[in-house]
Amino acid sequence: AAHLAGAMAAGTTLPVIGIPIKSKNLDGVDALLSTVQMPSGIPVA
Protein backbone atom coordinates (compact mmCIF):
# COMPACT_ATOMS: atom_id res chain seq x y z
CA ALA A 1 0.00 0.00 0.00
CA ALA A 2 3.08 2.23 0.48
CA HIS A 3 1.47 5.13 2.30
CA LEU A 4 4.59 5.97 4.32
CA ALA A 5 6.01 8.63 1.98
CA GLY A 6 2.64 10.36 1.79
CA ALA A 7 2.21 10.20 5.55
CA MET A 8 5.65 11.76 6.00
CA ALA A 9 4.94 14.45 3.41
CA ALA A 10 1.63 15.30 5.08
CA GLY A 11 3.51 16.15 8.27
CA THR A 12 6.37 18.27 6.93
CA THR A 13 7.34 20.81 4.31
CA LEU A 14 10.73 19.13 3.86
CA PRO A 15 11.36 17.30 0.59
CA VAL A 16 10.20 13.68 0.82
CA ILE A 17 11.50 11.01 -1.54
CA GLY A 18 9.57 7.76 -1.78
CA ILE A 19 11.14 4.40 -2.55
CA PRO A 20 8.52 1.88 -3.66
CA ILE A 21 9.62 -1.54 -2.40
CA LYS A 22 9.14 -4.65 -4.54
CA SER A 23 6.69 -7.18 -3.15
CA LYS A 24 5.92 -10.80 -3.99
CA ASN A 25 2.42 -10.24 -5.31
CA LEU A 26 2.65 -7.32 -7.72
CA ASP A 27 6.43 -6.84 -8.08
CA GLY A 28 6.26 -3.39 -6.50
CA VAL A 29 3.88 -1.85 -9.02
CA ASP A 30 1.32 -1.45 -6.22
CA ALA A 31 3.89 0.44 -4.12
CA LEU A 32 4.98 2.53 -7.11
CA LEU A 33 1.44 3.66 -7.85
CA SER A 34 0.70 4.35 -4.18
CA THR A 35 3.86 6.43 -3.82
CA VAL A 36 3.65 8.40 -7.05
CA GLN A 37 -0.09 9.24 -6.98
CA MET A 38 -0.08 11.97 -4.34
CA PRO A 39 -2.81 14.60 -4.16
CA SER A 40 -2.05 18.15 -5.25
CA GLY A 41 -0.34 20.09 -2.49
CA ILE A 42 1.46 17.12 -0.86
CA PRO A 43 4.33 16.29 -3.23
CA VAL A 44 6.48 13.20 -2.96
CA ALA A 45 9.40 12.67 -5.32
All heavy atoms as atom14 arrays in JSON, in Angstrom:
{
  "sequence": "AAHLAGAMAAGTTLPVIGIPIKSKNLDGVDALLSTVQMPSGIPVA",
  "atom14_mask": [
    [1, 1, 1, 1, 1, 0, 0, 0, 0, 0, 0, 0, 0, 0],
    [1, 1, 1, 1, 1, 0, 0, 0, 0, 0, 0, 0, 0, 0],
    [1, 1, 1, 1, 1, 1, 1, 1, 1, 1, 0, 0, 0, 0],
    [1, 1, 1, 1, 1, 1, 1, 1, 0, 0, 0, 0, 0, 0],
    [1, 1, 1, 1, 1, 0, 0, 0, 0, 0, 0, 0, 0, 0],
    [1, 1, 1, 1, 0, 0, 0, 0, 0, 0, 0, 0, 0, 0],
    [1, 1, 1, 1, 1, 0, 0, 0, 0, 0, 0, 0, 0, 0],
    [1, 1, 1, 1, 1, 1, 1, 1, 0, 0, 0, 0, 0, 0],
    [1, 1, 1, 1, 1, 0, 0, 0, 0, 0, 0, 0, 0, 0],
    [1, 1, 1, 1, 1, 0, 0, 0, 0, 0, 0, 0, 0, 0],
    [1, 1, 1, 1, 0, 0, 0, 0, 0, 0, 0, 0, 0, 0],
    [1, 1, 1, 1, 1, 1, 1, 0, 0, 0, 0, 0, 0, 0],
    [1, 1, 1, 1, 1, 1, 1, 0, 0, 0, 0, 0, 0, 0],
    [1, 1, 1, 1, 1, 1, 1, 1, 0, 0, 0, 0, 0, 0],
    [1, 1, 1, 1, 1, 1, 1, 0, 0, 0, 0, 0, 0, 0],
    [1, 1, 1, 1, 1, 1, 1, 0, 0, 0, 0, 0, 0, 0],
    [1, 1, 1, 1, 1, 1, 1, 1, 0, 0, 0, 0, 0, 0],
    [1, 1, 1, 1, 0, 0, 0, 0, 0, 0, 0, 0, 0, 0],
    [1, 1, 1, 1, 1, 1, 1, 1, 0, 0, 0, 0, 0, 0],
    [1, 1, 1, 1, 1, 1, 1, 0, 0, 0, 0, 0, 0, 0],
    [1, 1, 1, 1, 1, 1, 1, 1, 0, 0, 0, 0, 0, 0],
    [1, 1, 1, 1, 1, 1, 1, 1, 1, 0, 0, 0, 0, 0],
    [1, 1, 1, 1, 1, 1, 0, 0, 0, 0, 0, 0, 0, 0],
    [1, 1, 1, 1, 1, 1, 1, 1, 1, 0, 0, 0, 0, 0],
    [1, 1, 1, 1, 1, 1, 1, 1, 0, 0, 0, 0, 0, 0],
    [1, 1, 1, 1, 1, 1, 1, 1, 0, 0, 0, 0, 0, 0],
    [1, 1, 1, 1, 1, 1, 1, 1, 0, 0, 0, 0, 0, 0],
    [1, 1, 1, 1, 0, 0, 0, 0, 0, 0, 0, 0, 0, 0],
    [1, 1, 1, 1, 1, 1, 1, 0, 0, 0, 0, 0, 0, 0],
    [1, 1, 1, 1, 1, 1, 1, 1, 0, 0, 0, 0, 0, 0],
    [1, 1, 1, 1, 1, 0, 0, 0, 0, 0, 0, 0, 0, 0],
    [1, 1, 1, 1, 1, 1, 1, 1, 0, 0, 0, 0, 0, 0],
    [1, 1, 1, 1, 1, 1, 1, 1, 0, 0, 0, 0, 0, 0],
    [1, 1, 1, 1, 1, 1, 0, 0, 0, 0, 0, 0, 0, 0],
    [1, 1, 1, 1, 1, 1, 1, 0, 0, 0, 0, 0, 0, 0],
    [1, 1, 1, 1, 1, 1, 1, 0, 0, 0, 0, 0, 0, 0],
    [1, 1, 1, 1, 1, 1, 1, 1, 1, 0, 0, 0, 0, 0],
    [1, 1, 1, 1, 1, 1, 1, 1, 0, 0, 0, 0, 0, 0],
    [1, 1, 1, 1, 1, 1, 1, 0, 0, 0, 0, 0, 0, 0],
    [1, 1, 1, 1, 1, 1, 0, 0, 0, 0, 0, 0, 0, 0],
    [1, 1, 1, 1, 0, 0, 0, 0, 0, 0, 0, 0, 0, 0],
    [1, 1, 1, 1, 1, 1, 1, 1, 0, 0, 0, 0, 0, 0],
    [1, 1, 1, 1, 1, 1, 1, 0, 0, 0, 0, 0, 0, 0],
    [1, 1, 1, 1, 1, 1, 1, 0, 0, 0, 0, 0, 0, 0],
    [1, 1, 1, 1, 1, 0, 0, 0, 0, 0, 0, 0, 0, 0]
  ],
  "atom14_positions": [
    [[0.83, -1.21, 0.0], [0.0, 0.0, 0.0], [0.86, 1.26, 0.0], [0.45, 2.29, -0.52], [-0.95, 0.0, 1.2], [0.0, 0.0, 0.0], [0.0, 0.0, 0.0], [0.0, 0.0, 0.0], [0.0, 0.0, 0.0], [0.0, 0.0, 0.0], [0.0, 0.0, 0.0], [0.0, 0.0, 0.0], [0.0, 0.0, 0.0], [0.0, 0.0, 0.0]],
    [[2.04, 1.19, 0.57], [3.08, 2.23, 0.48], [2.59, 3.63, 0.79], [2.84, 4.57, 0.04], [3.75, 2.17, -0.89], [0.0, 0.0, 0.0], [0.0, 0.0, 0.0], [0.0, 0.0, 0.0], [0.0, 0.0, 0.0], [0.0, 0.0, 0.0], [0.0, 0.0, 0.0], [0.0, 0.0, 0.0], [0.0, 0.0, 0.0], [0.0, 0.0, 0.0]],
    [[1.95, 3.8, 1.91], [1.47, 5.13, 2.3], [2.49, 5.91, 3.11], [2.23, 7.06, 3.46], [0.16, 5.0, 3.1], [-0.95, 4.47, 2.29], [-1.83, 3.53, 2.76], [-1.33, 4.73, 1.01], [-2.71, 3.25, 1.82], [-2.42, 3.95, 0.75], [0.0, 0.0, 0.0], [0.0, 0.0, 0.0], [0.0, 0.0, 0.0], [0.0, 0.0, 0.0]],
    [[3.63, 5.32, 3.42], [4.59, 5.97, 4.32], [5.09, 7.31, 3.79], [5.13, 8.29, 4.52], [5.76, 5.03, 4.61], [6.79, 5.56, 5.6], [6.15, 5.85, 6.96], [7.92, 4.55, 5.75], [0.0, 0.0, 0.0], [0.0, 0.0, 0.0], [0.0, 0.0, 0.0], [0.0, 0.0, 0.0], [0.0, 0.0, 0.0], [0.0, 0.0, 0.0]],
    [[5.49, 7.37, 2.53], [6.01, 8.63, 1.98], [4.95, 9.72, 2.04], [5.24, 10.86, 2.42], [6.5, 8.43, 0.55], [0.0, 0.0, 0.0], [0.0, 0.0, 0.0], [0.0, 0.0, 0.0], [0.0, 0.0, 0.0], [0.0, 0.0, 0.0], [0.0, 0.0, 0.0], [0.0, 0.0, 0.0], [0.0, 0.0, 0.0], [0.0, 0.0, 0.0]],
    [[3.72, 9.39, 1.71], [2.64, 10.36, 1.79], [2.36, 10.8, 3.2], [2.11, 11.98, 3.47], [0.0, 0.0, 0.0], [0.0, 0.0, 0.0], [0.0, 0.0, 0.0], [0.0, 0.0, 0.0], [0.0, 0.0, 0.0], [0.0, 0.0, 0.0], [0.0, 0.0, 0.0], [0.0, 0.0, 0.0], [0.0, 0.0, 0.0], [0.0, 0.0, 0.0]],
    [[2.42, 9.86, 4.14], [2.21, 10.2, 5.55], [3.31, 11.13, 6.04], [3.05, 12.1, 6.77], [2.16, 8.93, 6.4], [0.0, 0.0, 0.0], [0.0, 0.0, 0.0], [0.0, 0.0, 0.0], [0.0, 0.0, 0.0], [0.0, 0.0, 0.0], [0.0, 0.0, 0.0], [0.0, 0.0, 0.0], [0.0, 0.0, 0.0], [0.0, 0.0, 0.0]],
    [[4.55, 10.87, 5.62], [5.65, 11.76, 6.0], [5.45, 13.14, 5.38], [5.58, 14.17, 6.05], [7.0, 11.18, 5.53], [7.47, 9.96, 6.25], [8.15, 10.37, 7.85], [7.14, 9.35, 8.88], [0.0, 0.0, 0.0], [0.0, 0.0, 0.0], [0.0, 0.0, 0.0], [0.0, 0.0, 0.0], [0.0, 0.0, 0.0], [0.0, 0.0, 0.0]],
    [[5.11, 13.18, 4.1], [4.94, 14.45, 3.41], [3.8, 15.26, 3.99], [3.86, 16.5, 4.02], [4.71, 14.21, 1.91], [0.0, 0.0, 0.0], [0.0, 0.0, 0.0], [0.0, 0.0, 0.0], [0.0, 0.0, 0.0], [0.0, 0.0, 0.0], [0.0, 0.0, 0.0], [0.0, 0.0, 0.0], [0.0, 0.0, 0.0], [0.0, 0.0, 0.0]],
    [[2.77, 14.6, 4.48], [1.63, 15.3, 5.08], [2.03, 16.03, 6.36], [1.39, 17.01, 6.73], [0.49, 14.33, 5.37], [0.0, 0.0, 0.0], [0.0, 0.0, 0.0], [0.0, 0.0, 0.0], [0.0, 0.0, 0.0], [0.0, 0.0, 0.0], [0.0, 0.0, 0.0], [0.0, 0.0, 0.0], [0.0, 0.0, 0.0], [0.0, 0.0, 0.0]],
    [[3.11, 15.58, 7.0], [3.51, 16.15, 8.27], [4.67, 17.11, 8.22], [5.12, 17.58, 9.26], [0.0, 0.0, 0.0], [0.0, 0.0, 0.0], [0.0, 0.0, 0.0], [0.0, 0.0, 0.0], [0.0, 0.0, 0.0], [0.0, 0.0, 0.0], [0.0, 0.0, 0.0], [0.0, 0.0, 0.0], [0.0, 0.0, 0.0], [0.0, 0.0, 0.0]],
    [[5.19, 17.4, 7.02], [6.37, 18.27, 6.93], [6.37, 19.02, 5.61], [5.71, 18.61, 4.65], [7.68, 17.44, 7.05], [8.8, 18.33, 7.12], [7.86, 16.5, 5.87], [0.0, 0.0, 0.0], [0.0, 0.0, 0.0], [0.0, 0.0, 0.0], [0.0, 0.0, 0.0], [0.0, 0.0, 0.0], [0.0, 0.0, 0.0], [0.0, 0.0, 0.0]],
    [[7.11, 20.11, 5.57], [7.34, 20.81, 4.31], [8.74, 20.5, 3.76], [9.14, 21.08, 2.75], [7.19, 22.34, 4.48], [8.08, 22.77, 5.51], [5.74, 22.69, 4.82], [0.0, 0.0, 0.0], [0.0, 0.0, 0.0], [0.0, 0.0, 0.0], [0.0, 0.0, 0.0], [0.0, 0.0, 0.0], [0.0, 0.0, 0.0], [0.0, 0.0, 0.0]],
    [[9.45, 19.58, 4.4], [10.73, 19.13, 3.86], [10.5, 18.29, 2.61], [9.44, 17.66, 2.47], [11.47, 18.28, 4.89], [11.98, 18.98, 6.13], [12.57, 17.95, 7.11], [13.02, 20.04, 5.78], [0.0, 0.0, 0.0], [0.0, 0.0, 0.0], [0.0, 0.0, 0.0], [0.0, 0.0, 0.0], [0.0, 0.0, 0.0], [0.0, 0.0, 0.0]],
    [[11.49, 18.21, 1.72], [11.36, 17.3, 0.59], [11.28, 15.85, 1.08], [12.04, 15.45, 1.97], [12.65, 17.51, -0.21], [13.24, 18.79, 0.28], [12.74, 18.98, 1.68], [0.0, 0.0, 0.0], [0.0, 0.0, 0.0], [0.0, 0.0, 0.0], [0.0, 0.0, 0.0], [0.0, 0.0, 0.0], [0.0, 0.0, 0.0], [0.0, 0.0, 0.0]],
    [[10.36, 15.1, 0.5], [10.2, 13.68, 0.82], [10.4, 12.9, -0.48], [9.8, 13.23, -1.51], [8.81, 13.38, 1.42], [8.63, 11.87, 1.62], [8.63, 14.12, 2.74], [0.0, 0.0, 0.0], [0.0, 0.0, 0.0], [0.0, 0.0, 0.0], [0.0, 0.0, 0.0], [0.0, 0.0, 0.0], [0.0, 0.0, 0.0], [0.0, 0.0, 0.0]],
    [[11.23, 11.87, -0.39], [11.5, 11.01, -1.54], [11.0, 9.62, -1.19], [11.42, 9.04, -0.18], [13.01, 10.97, -1.87], [13.52, 12.39, -2.15], [13.28, 10.02, -3.04], [15.02, 12.5, -2.19], [0.0, 0.0, 0.0], [0.0, 0.0, 0.0], [0.0, 0.0, 0.0], [0.0, 0.0, 0.0], [0.0, 0.0, 0.0], [0.0, 0.0, 0.0]],
    [[10.12, 9.09, -2.01], [9.57, 7.76, -1.78], [10.31, 6.7, -2.57], [10.63, 6.89, -3.74], [0.0, 0.0, 0.0], [0.0, 0.0, 0.0], [0.0, 0.0, 0.0], [0.0, 0.0, 0.0], [0.0, 0.0, 0.0], [0.0, 0.0, 0.0], [0.0, 0.0, 0.0], [0.0, 0.0, 0.0], [0.0, 0.0, 0.0], [0.0, 0.0, 0.0]],
    [[10.58, 5.59, -1.89], [11.14, 4.4, -2.55], [10.06, 3.32, -2.51], [9.78, 2.77, -1.44], [12.4, 3.86, -1.84], [13.48, 4.92, -1.69], [12.93, 2.64, -2.61], [14.65, 4.47, -0.82], [0.0, 0.0, 0.0], [0.0, 0.0, 0.0], [0.0, 0.0, 0.0], [0.0, 0.0, 0.0], [0.0, 0.0, 0.0], [0.0, 0.0, 0.0]],
    [[9.46, 3.0, -3.64], [8.52, 1.88, -3.66], [9.32, 0.57, -3.55], [10.28, 0.37, -4.28], [7.84, 1.98, -5.01], [8.38, 3.2, -5.69], [9.56, 3.67, -4.92], [0.0, 0.0, 0.0], [0.0, 0.0, 0.0], [0.0, 0.0, 0.0], [0.0, 0.0, 0.0], [0.0, 0.0, 0.0], [0.0, 0.0, 0.0], [0.0, 0.0, 0.0]],
    [[8.91, -0.29, -2.63], [9.62, -1.54, -2.4], [8.9, -2.69, -3.12], [7.68, -2.82, -3.04], [9.71, -1.85, -0.89], [10.45, -0.72, -0.14], [10.39, -3.2, -0.64], [11.91, -0.57, -0.47], [0.0, 0.0, 0.0], [0.0, 0.0, 0.0], [0.0, 0.0, 0.0], [0.0, 0.0, 0.0], [0.0, 0.0, 0.0], [0.0, 0.0, 0.0]],
    [[9.68, -3.5, -3.8], [9.14, -4.65, -4.54], [8.52, -5.65, -3.56], [9.08, -5.93, -2.51], [10.26, -5.32, -5.33], [9.8, -6.41, -6.25], [10.96, -6.92, -7.09], [10.46, -7.95, -8.07], [11.51, -8.36, -9.0], [0.0, 0.0, 0.0], [0.0, 0.0, 0.0], [0.0, 0.0, 0.0], [0.0, 0.0, 0.0], [0.0, 0.0, 0.0]],
    [[7.37, -6.17, -3.95], [6.69, -7.18, -3.15], [6.51, -8.45, -3.97], [6.71, -8.45, -5.19], [5.33, -6.66, -2.68], [4.51, -6.39, -3.79], [0.0, 0.0, 0.0], [0.0, 0.0, 0.0], [0.0, 0.0, 0.0], [0.0, 0.0, 0.0], [0.0, 0.0, 0.0], [0.0, 0.0, 0.0], [0.0, 0.0, 0.0], [0.0, 0.0, 0.0]],
    [[6.11, -9.51, -3.3], [5.92, -10.8, -3.99], [4.74, -10.75, -4.97], [4.83, -11.26, -6.07], [5.67, -11.92, -2.98], [6.88, -12.29, -2.17], [6.58, -13.46, -1.27], [5.78, -12.94, -0.07], [5.55, -13.94, 0.96], [0.0, 0.0, 0.0], [0.0, 0.0, 0.0], [0.0, 0.0, 0.0], [0.0, 0.0, 0.0], [0.0, 0.0, 0.0]],
    [[3.66, -10.13, -4.54], [2.42, -10.24, -5.31], [2.41, -9.44, -6.6], [2.05, -9.95, -7.64], [1.23, -9.85, -4.44], [1.06, -10.79, -3.27], [1.42, -11.95, -3.35], [0.54, -10.28, -2.17], [0.0, 0.0, 0.0], [0.0, 0.0, 0.0], [0.0, 0.0, 0.0], [0.0, 0.0, 0.0], [0.0, 0.0, 0.0], [0.0, 0.0, 0.0]],
    [[2.77, -8.18, -6.54], [2.65, -7.32, -7.72], [3.99, -6.7, -8.14], [4.02, -5.71, -8.86], [1.61, -6.22, -7.46], [0.19, -6.74, -7.21], [-0.73, -5.6, -6.77], [-0.36, -7.4, -8.47], [0.0, 0.0, 0.0], [0.0, 0.0, 0.0], [0.0, 0.0, 0.0], [0.0, 0.0, 0.0], [0.0, 0.0, 0.0], [0.0, 0.0, 0.0]],
    [[5.08, -7.28, -7.7], [6.43, -6.84, -8.08], [6.72, -5.37, -7.81], [7.56, -4.77, -8.46], [6.7, -7.13, -9.57], [6.95, -8.61, -9.83], [7.4, -9.3, -8.9], [6.69, -9.05, -10.95], [0.0, 0.0, 0.0], [0.0, 0.0, 0.0], [0.0, 0.0, 0.0], [0.0, 0.0, 0.0], [0.0, 0.0, 0.0], [0.0, 0.0, 0.0]],
    [[6.0, -4.78, -6.87], [6.26, -3.39, -6.5], [5.45, -2.37, -7.27], [5.52, -1.18, -6.97], [0.0, 0.0, 0.0], [0.0, 0.0, 0.0], [0.0, 0.0, 0.0], [0.0, 0.0, 0.0], [0.0, 0.0, 0.0], [0.0, 0.0, 0.0], [0.0, 0.0, 0.0], [0.0, 0.0, 0.0], [0.0, 0.0, 0.0], [0.0, 0.0, 0.0]],
    [[4.7, -2.81, -8.26], [3.88, -1.85, -9.02], [2.83, -1.22, -8.11], [2.54, -0.03, -8.22], [3.23, -2.53, -10.25], [2.27, -1.61, -10.95], [4.32, -2.99, -11.22], [0.0, 0.0, 0.0], [0.0, 0.0, 0.0], [0.0, 0.0, 0.0], [0.0, 0.0, 0.0], [0.0, 0.0, 0.0], [0.0, 0.0, 0.0], [0.0, 0.0, 0.0]],
    [[2.29, -1.99, -7.19], [1.32, -1.45, -6.22], [1.96, -0.33, -5.4], [1.39, 0.74, -5.24], [0.76, -2.55, -5.32], [1.82, -3.45, -4.7], [3.0, -3.41, -5.14], [1.48, -4.21, -3.78], [0.0, 0.0, 0.0], [0.0, 0.0, 0.0], [0.0, 0.0, 0.0], [0.0, 0.0, 0.0], [0.0, 0.0, 0.0], [0.0, 0.0, 0.0]],
    [[3.18, -0.57, -4.91], [3.89, 0.44, -4.12], [4.24, 1.67, -4.97], [4.15, 2.8, -4.51], [5.14, -0.16, -3.5], [0.0, 0.0, 0.0], [0.0, 0.0, 0.0], [0.0, 0.0, 0.0], [0.0, 0.0, 0.0], [0.0, 0.0, 0.0], [0.0, 0.0, 0.0], [0.0, 0.0, 0.0], [0.0, 0.0, 0.0], [0.0, 0.0, 0.0]],
    [[4.65, 1.42, -6.21], [4.98, 2.53, -7.11], [3.77, 3.44, -7.3], [3.86, 4.66, -7.15], [5.46, 2.0, -8.46], [5.7, 3.05, -9.54], [6.81, 3.99, -9.14], [6.0, 2.38, -10.87], [0.0, 0.0, 0.0], [0.0, 0.0, 0.0], [0.0, 0.0, 0.0], [0.0, 0.0, 0.0], [0.0, 0.0, 0.0], [0.0, 0.0, 0.0]],
    [[2.63, 2.85, -7.62], [1.44, 3.66, -7.85], [0.99, 4.37, -6.58], [0.58, 5.53, -6.62], [0.32, 2.79, -8.42], [0.61, 2.21, -9.81], [-0.5, 1.27, -10.24], [0.82, 3.3, -10.83], [0.0, 0.0, 0.0], [0.0, 0.0, 0.0], [0.0, 0.0, 0.0], [0.0, 0.0, 0.0], [0.0, 0.0, 0.0], [0.0, 0.0, 0.0]],
    [[1.08, 3.71, -5.44], [0.7, 4.35, -4.18], [1.61, 5.52, -3.85], [1.17, 6.53, -3.31], [0.76, 3.34, -3.03], [-0.22, 2.36, -3.18], [0.0, 0.0, 0.0], [0.0, 0.0, 0.0], [0.0, 0.0, 0.0], [0.0, 0.0, 0.0], [0.0, 0.0, 0.0], [0.0, 0.0, 0.0], [0.0, 0.0, 0.0], [0.0, 0.0, 0.0]],
    [[2.89, 5.4, -4.17], [3.86, 6.43, -3.82], [3.78, 7.61, -4.78], [3.88, 8.76, -4.38], [5.28, 5.84, -3.82], [5.31, 4.71, -2.95], [6.3, 6.86, -3.35], [0.0, 0.0, 0.0], [0.0, 0.0, 0.0], [0.0, 0.0, 0.0], [0.0, 0.0, 0.0], [0.0, 0.0, 0.0], [0.0, 0.0, 0.0], [0.0, 0.0, 0.0]],
    [[3.59, 7.34, -6.04], [3.65, 8.4, -7.05], [2.33, 9.18, -7.17], [2.34, 10.34, -7.59], [4.09, 7.82, -8.41], [2.96, 7.11, -9.13], [4.72, 8.87, -9.28], [0.0, 0.0, 0.0], [0.0, 0.0, 0.0], [0.0, 0.0, 0.0], [0.0, 0.0, 0.0], [0.0, 0.0, 0.0], [0.0, 0.0, 0.0], [0.0, 0.0, 0.0]],
    [[1.22, 8.59, -6.78], [-0.09, 9.24, -6.98], [-0.5, 10.06, -5.76], [-1.49, 9.76, -5.1], [-1.16, 8.17, -7.28], [-1.0, 7.52, -8.61], [-1.29, 8.47, -9.77], [-1.79, 9.57, -9.61], [-0.97, 8.04, -10.97], [0.0, 0.0, 0.0], [0.0, 0.0, 0.0], [0.0, 0.0, 0.0], [0.0, 0.0, 0.0], [0.0, 0.0, 0.0]],
    [[0.22, 11.11, -5.48], [-0.08, 11.97, -4.34], [-1.04, 13.09, -4.76], [-0.97, 13.57, -5.89], [1.21, 12.57, -3.78], [2.1, 11.55, -3.09], [1.3, 10.75, -1.69], [1.0, 12.16, -0.65], [0.0, 0.0, 0.0], [0.0, 0.0, 0.0], [0.0, 0.0, 0.0], [0.0, 0.0, 0.0], [0.0, 0.0, 0.0], [0.0, 0.0, 0.0]],
    [[-1.9, 13.51, -3.83], [-2.81, 14.6, -4.16], [-2.07, 15.92, -4.29], [-1.02, 16.13, -3.69], [-3.78, 14.63, -2.98], [-3.03, 14.02, -1.85], [-2.1, 13.01, -2.46], [0.0, 0.0, 0.0], [0.0, 0.0, 0.0], [0.0, 0.0, 0.0], [0.0, 0.0, 0.0], [0.0, 0.0, 0.0], [0.0, 0.0, 0.0], [0.0, 0.0, 0.0]],
    [[-2.63, 16.82, -5.06], [-2.05, 18.15, -5.25], [-1.83, 18.82, -3.89], [-2.7, 18.78, -3.02], [-3.0, 18.99, -6.1], [-2.45, 20.25, -6.33], [0.0, 0.0, 0.0], [0.0, 0.0, 0.0], [0.0, 0.0, 0.0], [0.0, 0.0, 0.0], [0.0, 0.0, 0.0], [0.0, 0.0, 0.0], [0.0, 0.0, 0.0], [0.0, 0.0, 0.0]],
    [[-0.66, 19.39, -3.71], [-0.34, 20.09, -2.49], [0.52, 19.29, -1.52], [1.09, 19.86, -0.58], [0.0, 0.0, 0.0], [0.0, 0.0, 0.0], [0.0, 0.0, 0.0], [0.0, 0.0, 0.0], [0.0, 0.0, 0.0], [0.0, 0.0, 0.0], [0.0, 0.0, 0.0], [0.0, 0.0, 0.0], [0.0, 0.0, 0.0], [0.0, 0.0, 0.0]],
    [[0.63, 17.98, -1.72], [1.46, 17.12, -0.86], [2.4, 16.33, -1.78], [2.18, 15.15, -2.05], [0.6, 16.16, 0.0], [-0.49, 16.9, 0.76], [1.5, 15.38, 0.96], [0.02, 17.86, 1.83], [0.0, 0.0, 0.0], [0.0, 0.0, 0.0], [0.0, 0.0, 0.0], [0.0, 0.0, 0.0], [0.0, 0.0, 0.0], [0.0, 0.0, 0.0]],
    [[3.46, 16.98, -2.28], [4.33, 16.29, -3.23], [5.25, 15.27, -2.57], [5.69, 15.44, -1.44], [5.16, 17.43, -3.83], [5.19, 18.48, -2.76], [3.87, 18.37, -2.05], [0.0, 0.0, 0.0], [0.0, 0.0, 0.0], [0.0, 0.0, 0.0], [0.0, 0.0, 0.0], [0.0, 0.0, 0.0], [0.0, 0.0, 0.0], [0.0, 0.0, 0.0]],
    [[5.49, 14.21, -3.31], [6.48, 13.2, -2.96], [7.26, 12.9, -4.23], [6.67, 12.52, -5.24], [5.83, 11.9, -2.43], [6.86, 10.78, -2.31], [5.15, 12.14, -1.08], [0.0, 0.0, 0.0], [0.0, 0.0, 0.0], [0.0, 0.0, 0.0], [0.0, 0.0, 0.0], [0.0, 0.0, 0.0], [0.0, 0.0, 0.0], [0.0, 0.0, 0.0]],
    [[8.56, 13.1, -4.2], [9.4, 12.67, -5.32], [9.51, 11.16, -5.22], [9.66, 10.62, -4.12], [10.78, 13.32, -5.22], [0.0, 0.0, 0.0], [0.0, 0.0, 0.0], [0.0, 0.0, 0.0], [0.0, 0.0, 0.0], [0.0, 0.0, 0.0], [0.0, 0.0, 0.0], [0.0, 0.0, 0.0], [0.0, 0.0, 0.0], [0.0, 0.0, 0.0]]
  ]
}
